[in-house]
Amino acid sequence: MPEAINKSWQRMPSDTQAMNLMHKRAVRLACDKSREVNAAPGIPYLLVQLGPRERYGIPYQYLDEVMYSRGLTRVPCTPSFIAGVIGRRGSLITVLDLGEIFKVSQRKTDEHARVVVIKYPEMMLGLLVGEVVGNDRYDPASLAPALPSDGVMDLAYVLGIHESGVTI
């Protein structure tokens, strides 16, 4: 047996009383209810910001990755809501500009801007957001209904409004 491994075995207690004490400690630590982590109720989401104060939530179940917006390349002759394409692990992902879709005036892409990669069955795309703010949870039953706003009539991708301020 190598000398380093042999020395580590020497630190283990060899008498029965010490072994019983270690076993009792291990069982107690394994059953300690105060160490259990209870997940908060609700569905977790990534909180992003568009413009100076518009906040949106993207449920984690659809989230695949958050990337820097560097390398985003505009594609000629595409609609204004398509921000461009970005390379990701050898493939190109189409990136939509959420600010353009929801008619929110955004600052030009800066160091805070991110591309949130969304994965849905048989589809992957990126969403250009002004800033990633954090995360939170929402209860689907407590969402307020979304109302159409200026320039946004199709609310098919909006689940509702969380706590009077975050569009999910």
N, C-alpha and C. Protein backbone atom coordinates (compact mmCIF):
# COMPACT_ATOMS: atom_id res chain seq x y z
N MET A 1 0.86 -1.17 0.00
CA MET A 1 0.00 0.00 0.00
C MET A 1 0.91 1.24 0.00
N PRO A 2 0.59 2.26 -0.87
CA PRO A 2 1.41 3.47 -0.86
C PRO A 2 1.41 4.12 0.52
N GLU A 3 2.50 4.79 0.82
CA GLU A 3 2.69 5.34 2.16
C GLU A 3 1.63 6.39 2.52
N ALA A 4 1.23 7.26 1.57
CA ALA A 4 0.24 8.30 1.86
C ALA A 4 -1.10 7.68 2.23
N ILE A 5 -1.51 6.64 1.52
CA ILE A 5 -2.78 5.97 1.82
C ILE A 5 -2.66 5.25 3.15
N ASN A 6 -1.56 4.63 3.40
CA ASN A 6 -1.34 3.92 4.65
C ASN A 6 -1.46 4.87 5.83
N LYS A 7 -0.91 6.11 5.71
CA LYS A 7 -0.99 7.09 6.80
C LYS A 7 -2.42 7.54 7.03
N SER A 8 -3.22 7.70 5.94
CA SER A 8 -4.60 8.15 6.13
C SER A 8 -5.41 7.08 6.87
N TRP A 9 -5.12 5.81 6.65
CA TRP A 9 -5.81 4.76 7.37
C TRP A 9 -5.44 4.77 8.84
N GLN A 10 -4.25 5.24 9.14
CA GLN A 10 -3.81 5.28 10.53
C GLN A 10 -4.59 6.30 11.33
N ARG A 11 -5.17 7.30 10.68
CA ARG A 11 -5.94 8.33 11.38
C ARG A 11 -7.33 7.85 11.74
N MET A 12 -7.81 6.80 11.13
CA MET A 12 -9.13 6.27 11.44
C MET A 12 -9.06 5.57 12.78
N PRO A 13 -10.11 5.72 13.60
CA PRO A 13 -10.09 5.04 14.90
C PRO A 13 -10.15 3.53 14.71
N SER A 14 -9.46 2.85 15.56
CA SER A 14 -9.41 1.39 15.43
C SER A 14 -10.17 0.69 16.55
N ASP A 15 -10.44 1.40 17.65
CA ASP A 15 -11.14 0.72 18.74
C ASP A 15 -12.66 0.80 18.53
N THR A 16 -13.37 -0.13 19.11
CA THR A 16 -14.81 -0.28 18.92
C THR A 16 -15.59 0.91 19.44
N GLN A 17 -15.18 1.46 20.58
CA GLN A 17 -15.90 2.60 21.16
C GLN A 17 -15.84 3.81 20.22
N ALA A 18 -14.70 4.11 19.67
CA ALA A 18 -14.56 5.25 18.75
C ALA A 18 -15.34 5.00 17.47
N MET A 19 -15.35 3.78 16.96
CA MET A 19 -16.10 3.45 15.75
C MET A 19 -17.60 3.61 15.99
N ASN A 20 -18.09 3.17 17.17
CA ASN A 20 -19.50 3.33 17.50
C ASN A 20 -19.89 4.81 17.59
N LEU A 21 -19.03 5.61 18.17
CA LEU A 21 -19.27 7.05 18.28
C LEU A 21 -19.35 7.69 16.88
N MET A 22 -18.44 7.33 16.00
CA MET A 22 -18.46 7.86 14.64
C MET A 22 -19.73 7.43 13.91
N HIS A 23 -20.16 6.20 14.11
CA HIS A 23 -21.38 5.71 13.46
C HIS A 23 -22.59 6.49 13.97
N LYS A 24 -22.69 6.72 15.28
CA LYS A 24 -23.81 7.48 15.84
C LYS A 24 -23.83 8.91 15.28
N ARG A 25 -22.68 9.52 15.15
CA ARG A 25 -22.60 10.88 14.58
C ARG A 25 -23.07 10.89 13.13
N ALA A 26 -22.65 9.90 12.37
CA ALA A 26 -23.04 9.83 10.95
C ALA A 26 -24.55 9.65 10.82
N VAL A 27 -25.13 8.79 11.64
CA VAL A 27 -26.58 8.57 11.59
C VAL A 27 -27.31 9.85 11.99
N ARG A 28 -26.83 10.52 13.00
CA ARG A 28 -27.48 11.76 13.46
C ARG A 28 -27.40 12.85 12.40
N LEU A 29 -26.25 12.99 11.77
CA LEU A 29 -26.11 14.00 10.71
C LEU A 29 -27.00 13.66 9.52
N ALA A 30 -27.11 12.39 9.20
CA ALA A 30 -27.93 11.98 8.06
C ALA A 30 -29.41 12.21 8.31
N CYS A 31 -29.85 12.19 9.56
CA CYS A 31 -31.26 12.35 9.89
C CYS A 31 -31.61 13.74 10.41
N ASP A 32 -30.67 14.66 10.45
CA ASP A 32 -30.90 15.98 11.01
C ASP A 32 -31.88 16.77 10.13
N LYS A 33 -33.09 17.00 10.64
CA LYS A 33 -34.14 17.67 9.88
C LYS A 33 -33.81 19.13 9.60
N SER A 34 -33.01 19.75 10.44
CA SER A 34 -32.68 21.16 10.22
C SER A 34 -31.79 21.35 9.00
N ARG A 35 -31.14 20.31 8.54
CA ARG A 35 -30.27 20.41 7.38
C ARG A 35 -31.02 20.16 6.06
N GLU A 36 -32.28 19.71 6.14
CA GLU A 36 -33.04 19.45 4.93
C GLU A 36 -33.36 20.77 4.24
N VAL A 37 -33.26 20.77 2.94
CA VAL A 37 -33.57 21.95 2.16
C VAL A 37 -34.94 21.74 1.52
N ASN A 38 -35.89 22.55 1.94
CA ASN A 38 -37.22 22.47 1.37
C ASN A 38 -37.32 23.46 0.23
N ALA A 39 -37.71 22.99 -0.92
CA ALA A 39 -37.87 23.87 -2.07
C ALA A 39 -39.08 24.76 -1.84
N ALA A 40 -38.92 26.03 -2.17
CA ALA A 40 -40.02 26.96 -2.05
C ALA A 40 -41.10 26.58 -3.06
N PRO A 41 -42.37 26.82 -2.71
CA PRO A 41 -43.43 26.46 -3.65
C PRO A 41 -43.42 27.38 -4.87
N GLY A 42 -43.93 26.88 -5.96
CA GLY A 42 -44.02 27.67 -7.17
C GLY A 42 -43.06 27.21 -8.24
N ILE A 43 -43.16 27.84 -9.39
CA ILE A 43 -42.33 27.50 -10.54
C ILE A 43 -41.20 28.52 -10.65
N PRO A 44 -39.96 28.07 -10.68
CA PRO A 44 -38.84 29.02 -10.76
C PRO A 44 -38.73 29.64 -12.15
N TYR A 45 -38.30 30.90 -12.17
CA TYR A 45 -38.09 31.58 -13.44
C TYR A 45 -36.90 32.52 -13.38
N LEU A 46 -36.33 32.79 -14.55
CA LEU A 46 -35.23 33.74 -14.70
C LEU A 46 -35.85 35.11 -14.91
N LEU A 47 -35.42 36.09 -14.14
CA LEU A 47 -35.94 37.45 -14.22
C LEU A 47 -35.02 38.28 -15.10
N VAL A 48 -35.58 38.84 -16.18
CA VAL A 48 -34.81 39.66 -17.11
C VAL A 48 -35.46 41.03 -17.22
N GLN A 49 -34.68 41.99 -17.66
CA GLN A 49 -35.19 43.35 -17.80
C GLN A 49 -35.02 43.82 -19.24
N LEU A 50 -36.06 44.48 -19.73
CA LEU A 50 -36.03 45.12 -21.04
C LEU A 50 -36.27 46.60 -20.80
N GLY A 51 -35.49 47.43 -21.44
CA GLY A 51 -35.66 48.87 -21.26
C GLY A 51 -35.37 49.28 -19.84
N PRO A 52 -35.80 50.49 -19.47
CA PRO A 52 -35.46 50.98 -18.14
C PRO A 52 -36.18 50.30 -16.98
N ARG A 53 -37.40 49.73 -17.23
CA ARG A 53 -38.13 49.18 -16.09
C ARG A 53 -39.04 48.00 -16.38
N GLU A 54 -39.10 47.53 -17.60
CA GLU A 54 -39.95 46.39 -17.94
C GLU A 54 -39.26 45.10 -17.52
N ARG A 55 -39.96 44.27 -16.73
CA ARG A 55 -39.39 43.01 -16.26
C ARG A 55 -40.21 41.83 -16.76
N TYR A 56 -39.48 40.80 -17.18
CA TYR A 56 -40.10 39.60 -17.72
C TYR A 56 -39.50 38.38 -17.06
N GLY A 57 -40.29 37.32 -16.94
CA GLY A 57 -39.83 36.08 -16.36
C GLY A 57 -39.88 34.96 -17.38
N ILE A 58 -38.81 34.18 -17.45
CA ILE A 58 -38.74 33.04 -18.36
C ILE A 58 -38.61 31.79 -17.48
N PRO A 59 -39.64 30.92 -17.48
CA PRO A 59 -39.57 29.72 -16.63
C PRO A 59 -38.34 28.88 -16.95
N TYR A 60 -37.70 28.37 -15.90
CA TYR A 60 -36.48 27.58 -16.05
C TYR A 60 -36.71 26.31 -16.86
N GLN A 61 -37.93 25.81 -16.90
CA GLN A 61 -38.18 24.58 -17.65
C GLN A 61 -37.87 24.76 -19.13
N TYR A 62 -37.87 25.99 -19.63
CA TYR A 62 -37.56 26.26 -21.03
C TYR A 62 -36.14 26.77 -21.22
N LEU A 63 -35.48 27.14 -20.15
CA LEU A 63 -34.16 27.75 -20.22
C LEU A 63 -33.08 26.70 -20.46
N ASP A 64 -32.19 27.00 -21.42
CA ASP A 64 -31.09 26.09 -21.69
C ASP A 64 -29.75 26.72 -21.30
N GLU A 65 -29.58 28.01 -21.57
CA GLU A 65 -28.31 28.66 -21.29
C GLU A 65 -28.48 30.17 -21.37
N VAL A 66 -27.63 30.89 -20.66
CA VAL A 66 -27.56 32.35 -20.77
C VAL A 66 -26.17 32.68 -21.29
N MET A 67 -26.12 33.43 -22.40
CA MET A 67 -24.86 33.75 -23.07
C MET A 67 -24.67 35.26 -23.14
N TYR A 68 -23.41 35.68 -23.30
CA TYR A 68 -23.14 37.07 -23.62
C TYR A 68 -23.63 37.33 -25.04
N SER A 69 -23.98 38.57 -25.33
CA SER A 69 -24.49 38.89 -26.66
C SER A 69 -23.38 39.17 -27.67
N ARG A 70 -22.12 39.09 -27.22
CA ARG A 70 -21.01 39.26 -28.17
C ARG A 70 -21.08 38.18 -29.23
N GLY A 71 -20.78 38.56 -30.45
CA GLY A 71 -20.82 37.59 -31.54
C GLY A 71 -22.16 37.54 -32.23
N LEU A 72 -23.13 38.34 -31.76
CA LEU A 72 -24.43 38.40 -32.40
C LEU A 72 -24.29 39.11 -33.75
N THR A 73 -24.69 38.45 -34.81
CA THR A 73 -24.53 38.98 -36.16
C THR A 73 -25.89 39.23 -36.79
N ARG A 74 -26.12 40.45 -37.20
CA ARG A 74 -27.38 40.82 -37.86
C ARG A 74 -27.45 40.14 -39.22
N VAL A 75 -28.63 39.68 -39.61
CA VAL A 75 -28.83 39.02 -40.90
C VAL A 75 -29.62 39.97 -41.79
N PRO A 76 -29.09 40.31 -42.97
CA PRO A 76 -29.81 41.23 -43.86
C PRO A 76 -31.16 40.68 -44.30
N CYS A 77 -32.08 41.59 -44.58
CA CYS A 77 -33.41 41.26 -45.12
C CYS A 77 -34.25 40.40 -44.18
N THR A 78 -34.09 40.57 -42.87
CA THR A 78 -34.93 39.86 -41.91
C THR A 78 -35.80 40.89 -41.18
N PRO A 79 -36.91 40.45 -40.62
CA PRO A 79 -37.77 41.38 -39.87
C PRO A 79 -37.02 42.02 -38.70
N SER A 80 -37.52 43.16 -38.24
CA SER A 80 -36.83 43.90 -37.19
C SER A 80 -36.79 43.16 -35.86
N PHE A 81 -37.72 42.23 -35.61
CA PHE A 81 -37.72 41.50 -34.34
C PHE A 81 -36.67 40.39 -34.30
N ILE A 82 -35.99 40.13 -35.43
CA ILE A 82 -34.90 39.16 -35.43
C ILE A 82 -33.60 39.93 -35.22
N ALA A 83 -33.00 39.73 -34.06
CA ALA A 83 -31.77 40.46 -33.72
C ALA A 83 -30.58 39.95 -34.52
N GLY A 84 -30.63 38.69 -34.94
CA GLY A 84 -29.54 38.11 -35.71
C GLY A 84 -29.35 36.66 -35.37
N VAL A 85 -28.13 36.19 -35.59
CA VAL A 85 -27.76 34.81 -35.26
C VAL A 85 -26.50 34.85 -34.39
N ILE A 86 -26.33 33.80 -33.62
CA ILE A 86 -25.15 33.70 -32.77
C ILE A 86 -24.67 32.26 -32.80
N GLY A 87 -23.36 32.09 -32.79
CA GLY A 87 -22.78 30.76 -32.79
C GLY A 87 -22.78 30.15 -31.41
N ARG A 88 -23.15 28.87 -31.34
CA ARG A 88 -23.16 28.16 -30.06
C ARG A 88 -22.76 26.71 -30.30
N ARG A 89 -21.58 26.37 -29.86
CA ARG A 89 -21.06 25.01 -29.95
C ARG A 89 -21.19 24.43 -31.37
N GLY A 90 -20.78 25.21 -32.33
CA GLY A 90 -20.75 24.72 -33.70
C GLY A 90 -22.03 24.87 -34.49
N SER A 91 -23.06 25.44 -33.89
CA SER A 91 -24.31 25.65 -34.64
C SER A 91 -24.75 27.10 -34.49
N LEU A 92 -25.62 27.55 -35.39
CA LEU A 92 -26.14 28.90 -35.33
C LEU A 92 -27.54 28.89 -34.72
N ILE A 93 -27.78 29.87 -33.86
CA ILE A 93 -29.09 30.00 -33.22
C ILE A 93 -29.67 31.34 -33.63
N THR A 94 -30.92 31.34 -34.05
CA THR A 94 -31.63 32.57 -34.35
C THR A 94 -31.97 33.26 -33.03
N VAL A 95 -31.71 34.58 -32.99
CA VAL A 95 -31.95 35.35 -31.77
C VAL A 95 -33.05 36.38 -32.05
N LEU A 96 -34.10 36.32 -31.23
CA LEU A 96 -35.20 37.28 -31.33
C LEU A 96 -34.97 38.42 -30.34
N ASP A 97 -35.33 39.62 -30.73
CA ASP A 97 -35.20 40.79 -29.87
C ASP A 97 -36.51 40.96 -29.10
N LEU A 98 -36.52 40.60 -27.81
CA LEU A 98 -37.74 40.70 -27.01
C LEU A 98 -38.23 42.14 -26.91
N GLY A 99 -37.32 43.09 -26.88
CA GLY A 99 -37.72 44.50 -26.82
C GLY A 99 -38.53 44.90 -28.03
N GLU A 100 -38.15 44.40 -29.19
CA GLU A 100 -38.89 44.69 -30.42
C GLU A 100 -40.24 43.97 -30.43
N ILE A 101 -40.27 42.74 -29.94
CA ILE A 101 -41.52 41.97 -29.93
C ILE A 101 -42.54 42.61 -29.00
N PHE A 102 -42.09 43.05 -27.82
CA PHE A 102 -43.01 43.64 -26.84
C PHE A 102 -43.06 45.17 -26.92
N LYS A 103 -42.46 45.74 -27.96
CA LYS A 103 -42.47 47.19 -28.20
C LYS A 103 -41.96 47.98 -27.00
N VAL A 104 -40.83 47.51 -26.47
CA VAL A 104 -40.16 48.18 -25.36
C VAL A 104 -38.89 48.80 -25.90
N SER A 105 -38.72 50.09 -25.70
CA SER A 105 -37.50 50.73 -26.20
C SER A 105 -36.33 50.29 -25.33
N GLN A 106 -35.36 49.67 -25.97
CA GLN A 106 -34.17 49.19 -25.27
C GLN A 106 -32.98 50.04 -25.65
N ARG A 107 -32.03 50.08 -24.75
CA ARG A 107 -30.77 50.72 -25.10
C ARG A 107 -30.04 49.81 -26.09
N LYS A 108 -29.10 50.33 -26.76
CA LYS A 108 -28.33 49.51 -27.69
C LYS A 108 -27.63 48.41 -26.90
N THR A 109 -27.32 47.33 -27.58
CA THR A 109 -26.67 46.20 -26.93
C THR A 109 -25.39 46.65 -26.24
N ASP A 110 -25.30 46.40 -24.93
CA ASP A 110 -24.11 46.78 -24.16
C ASP A 110 -23.61 45.58 -23.36
N GLU A 111 -22.75 45.83 -22.39
CA GLU A 111 -22.14 44.73 -21.64
C GLU A 111 -23.14 43.99 -20.75
N HIS A 112 -24.32 44.58 -20.50
CA HIS A 112 -25.33 43.92 -19.68
C HIS A 112 -26.24 43.01 -20.50
N ALA A 113 -26.30 43.24 -21.81
CA ALA A 113 -27.20 42.46 -22.67
C ALA A 113 -26.78 40.99 -22.71
N ARG A 114 -27.78 40.13 -22.73
CA ARG A 114 -27.55 38.70 -22.77
C ARG A 114 -28.47 38.05 -23.80
N VAL A 115 -28.07 36.87 -24.22
CA VAL A 115 -28.91 36.03 -25.06
C VAL A 115 -29.32 34.85 -24.19
N VAL A 116 -30.63 34.72 -23.99
CA VAL A 116 -31.17 33.61 -23.22
C VAL A 116 -31.60 32.54 -24.21
N VAL A 117 -30.95 31.39 -24.14
CA VAL A 117 -31.24 30.30 -25.07
C VAL A 117 -32.40 29.48 -24.51
N ILE A 118 -33.44 29.38 -25.31
CA ILE A 118 -34.66 28.68 -24.93
C ILE A 118 -34.73 27.37 -25.71
N LYS A 119 -35.09 26.32 -25.00
CA LYS A 119 -35.24 25.01 -25.65
C LYS A 119 -36.66 24.53 -25.42
N TYR A 120 -37.33 24.29 -26.48
CA TYR A 120 -38.70 23.79 -26.46
C TYR A 120 -38.71 22.57 -27.36
N PRO A 121 -39.61 21.63 -27.19
CA PRO A 121 -39.56 20.43 -28.04
C PRO A 121 -39.37 20.78 -29.52
N GLU A 122 -38.31 20.25 -30.08
CA GLU A 122 -37.96 20.40 -31.48
C GLU A 122 -37.70 21.85 -31.90
N MET A 123 -37.34 22.72 -30.96
CA MET A 123 -37.05 24.10 -31.31
C MET A 123 -36.05 24.68 -30.30
N MET A 124 -35.09 25.44 -30.81
CA MET A 124 -34.15 26.15 -29.95
C MET A 124 -33.94 27.52 -30.56
N LEU A 125 -34.03 28.54 -29.71
CA LEU A 125 -33.81 29.90 -30.18
C LEU A 125 -33.27 30.74 -29.05
N GLY A 126 -32.76 31.91 -29.41
CA GLY A 126 -32.23 32.83 -28.42
C GLY A 126 -33.14 34.04 -28.28
N LEU A 127 -33.16 34.61 -27.08
CA LEU A 127 -33.92 35.82 -26.82
C LEU A 127 -32.94 36.88 -26.34
N LEU A 128 -32.88 38.00 -27.04
CA LEU A 128 -32.00 39.09 -26.64
C LEU A 128 -32.71 39.89 -25.56
N VAL A 129 -32.07 40.01 -24.40
CA VAL A 129 -32.64 40.77 -23.28
C VAL A 129 -31.65 41.83 -22.84
N GLY A 130 -32.17 42.88 -22.25
CA GLY A 130 -31.32 43.98 -21.82
C GLY A 130 -30.39 43.61 -20.68
N GLU A 131 -30.91 42.83 -19.74
CA GLU A 131 -30.12 42.47 -18.56
C GLU A 131 -30.77 41.30 -17.83
N VAL A 132 -29.96 40.41 -17.28
CA VAL A 132 -30.45 39.35 -16.41
C VAL A 132 -30.39 39.90 -14.99
N VAL A 133 -31.55 39.92 -14.32
CA VAL A 133 -31.64 40.55 -13.01
C VAL A 133 -31.50 39.53 -11.88
N GLY A 134 -32.07 38.37 -12.04
CA GLY A 134 -32.01 37.36 -10.98
C GLY A 134 -32.98 36.24 -11.28
N ASN A 135 -33.56 35.69 -10.21
CA ASN A 135 -34.57 34.65 -10.38
C ASN A 135 -35.58 34.73 -9.26
N ASP A 136 -36.71 34.07 -9.45
CA ASP A 136 -37.79 34.09 -8.47
C ASP A 136 -38.70 32.89 -8.76
N ARG A 137 -39.82 32.81 -8.09
CA ARG A 137 -40.80 31.76 -8.30
C ARG A 137 -42.17 32.39 -8.43
N TYR A 138 -43.04 31.73 -9.19
CA TYR A 138 -44.41 32.19 -9.30
C TYR A 138 -45.37 31.03 -9.14
N ASP A 139 -46.57 31.35 -8.70
CA ASP A 139 -47.63 30.37 -8.57
C ASP A 139 -48.57 30.57 -9.75
N PRO A 140 -48.71 29.58 -10.63
CA PRO A 140 -49.56 29.76 -11.81
C PRO A 140 -50.99 30.19 -11.47
N ALA A 141 -51.51 29.76 -10.33
CA ALA A 141 -52.88 30.10 -9.95
C ALA A 141 -53.02 31.57 -9.56
N SER A 142 -51.92 32.21 -9.19
CA SER A 142 -52.01 33.60 -8.74
C SER A 142 -51.61 34.62 -9.81
N LEU A 143 -51.36 34.16 -11.04
CA LEU A 143 -51.00 35.08 -12.11
C LEU A 143 -52.22 35.89 -12.54
N ALA A 144 -52.02 37.19 -12.71
CA ALA A 144 -53.07 38.05 -13.25
C ALA A 144 -53.08 37.89 -14.76
N PRO A 145 -54.24 38.04 -15.39
CA PRO A 145 -54.27 37.90 -16.84
C PRO A 145 -53.49 39.02 -17.53
N ALA A 146 -52.86 38.66 -18.63
CA ALA A 146 -52.10 39.65 -19.41
C ALA A 146 -53.07 40.43 -20.28
N LEU A 147 -52.82 41.71 -20.40
CA LEU A 147 -53.65 42.58 -21.21
C LEU A 147 -52.87 43.06 -22.42
N PRO A 148 -53.51 43.18 -23.57
CA PRO A 148 -52.80 43.70 -24.74
C PRO A 148 -52.31 45.12 -24.47
N SER A 149 -51.16 45.44 -25.02
CA SER A 149 -50.63 46.79 -24.88
C SER A 149 -50.34 47.34 -26.26
N ASP A 150 -49.81 48.55 -26.34
CA ASP A 150 -49.53 49.19 -27.62
C ASP A 150 -48.64 48.31 -28.48
N GLY A 151 -49.14 47.93 -29.62
CA GLY A 151 -48.34 47.17 -30.57
C GLY A 151 -48.24 45.69 -30.28
N VAL A 152 -48.73 45.23 -29.13
CA VAL A 152 -48.66 43.81 -28.78
C VAL A 152 -50.08 43.29 -28.61
N MET A 153 -50.54 42.59 -29.60
CA MET A 153 -51.89 42.03 -29.53
C MET A 153 -51.87 40.52 -29.35
N ASP A 154 -50.81 39.84 -29.79
CA ASP A 154 -50.71 38.40 -29.68
C ASP A 154 -50.06 38.04 -28.36
N LEU A 155 -50.86 37.61 -27.41
CA LEU A 155 -50.34 37.27 -26.09
C LEU A 155 -50.24 35.75 -25.90
N ALA A 156 -50.07 35.02 -26.98
CA ALA A 156 -50.01 33.56 -26.92
C ALA A 156 -48.84 33.06 -26.08
N TYR A 157 -47.76 33.83 -26.00
CA TYR A 157 -46.58 33.39 -25.26
C TYR A 157 -46.48 34.02 -23.88
N VAL A 158 -47.52 34.70 -23.46
CA VAL A 158 -47.54 35.33 -22.14
C VAL A 158 -48.50 34.54 -21.25
N LEU A 159 -47.97 34.00 -20.14
CA LEU A 159 -48.81 33.23 -19.22
C LEU A 159 -49.63 34.14 -18.32
N GLY A 160 -49.06 35.28 -17.95
CA GLY A 160 -49.76 36.21 -17.06
C GLY A 160 -48.78 37.16 -16.40
N ILE A 161 -49.30 37.93 -15.45
CA ILE A 161 -48.49 38.93 -14.73
C ILE A 161 -48.32 38.47 -13.29
N HIS A 162 -47.07 38.42 -12.85
CA HIS A 162 -46.72 37.97 -11.49
C HIS A 162 -46.47 39.20 -10.62
N GLU A 163 -47.16 39.27 -9.49
CA GLU A 163 -46.98 40.34 -8.50
C GLU A 163 -47.00 41.73 -9.10
N SER A 164 -47.93 41.96 -10.00
CA SER A 164 -48.16 43.27 -10.62
C SER A 164 -46.94 43.89 -11.27
N GLY A 165 -46.05 43.11 -11.75
CA GLY A 165 -44.91 43.74 -12.37
C GLY A 165 -44.03 42.88 -13.25
N VAL A 166 -44.14 41.59 -13.18
CA VAL A 166 -43.28 40.71 -13.98
C VAL A 166 -44.17 39.93 -14.94
N THR A 167 -43.92 40.11 -16.22
CA THR A 167 -44.66 39.37 -17.23
C THR A 167 -44.01 38.01 -17.40
N ILE A 168 -44.76 36.95 -17.16
CA ILE A 168 -44.25 35.58 -17.27
C ILE A 168 -44.56 35.06 -18.67
